[in-house]
Amino acid sequence: MAAGILVHNADMFLECRLLIAHPARPRILTVRQADAWALPALTPLEHHPAAVTHINQAVFRIFGLKTFVRRLVSERPGDQEYEAIHRLYELEVIGELEQQRIERTAWAGRVVLGEMIFEINSDKEAIESWLDEFESEERVNHSNSSRPPWSRPGWHESAASWMRRQATGPDSSGKAIPDQHWIDDRMTILSAPTTDGLIVMTAESAGSDSDPSTWSSGHGWEDPELITNDTARRWSLYRTKHRAADS
């Protein structure tokens, strides 16, 4: 399905559990629930797995943390008789932690994890799997990885820096951290406002060849105009505007 074409199903129950990674240490954010711990969870109205704006907005609203969704880790049907989907996303905290504003949270790492009692055992298993993967990644050459570059730690920082350097003059934006709209194995989409519209960055995996008019239309933007691209990394930067409402 093309980026920006969103699917909603009023009869479906969706729960998203979040692996929010600490910006500097191998830790995952957990929340105290009564007498046990749990991963943060959302039940969003937006159902498309690649549309992630609402996830970052919810994390900022609840925890005061700015985040970037790295990937959808897993998706499975629920055990209920009605239609249900459970998703697990991995997020990266971007920026500083000073604005974190919620009590009854803890950053769970390898040392303390064994002492924590979890409301749902699968939450603890998800953190353990993430820690195992984090530790193995430190010894792996990612150049041959099957995972897209934007699912790796630090990718967002490099991409945001590139956007700021390339967007000059009327295309420059005062927004330090761009908004994230879309992420799947084929592409990710970031944007930042300018005085005359938006700058939009896309990153695509090898073999992917998206139509800019399709993803821009799906997000309510006018057909984008290319500013520049980095062919080696398959990064492109566009200028566009929100599409005017029909009169």
Foldseek 3Di string as FASTA:
>chain_A
DAALAFDFDPQEWEKEFEQEAEQPDLWGKWADDPQAIFTDMDGDRGDDQFFCLVVQVVCCVQFVFGKDWLAWPDKDFDPDPTTYMYTYTYIYTPDDNPRGDDPRMDTDDDPCLVVGGHPDVVRSVVSVVSNVVVVVVVVDDCPPPLAAPSNDRPPQVVVLVVCQVQQDDQRHAPDSHWGWTTDHRAKTKTWGAGPVAIKMKMFGDPPDDHDQCVNQVSNQKHRWDWRDADVVRRMTITGIHRHDDDD
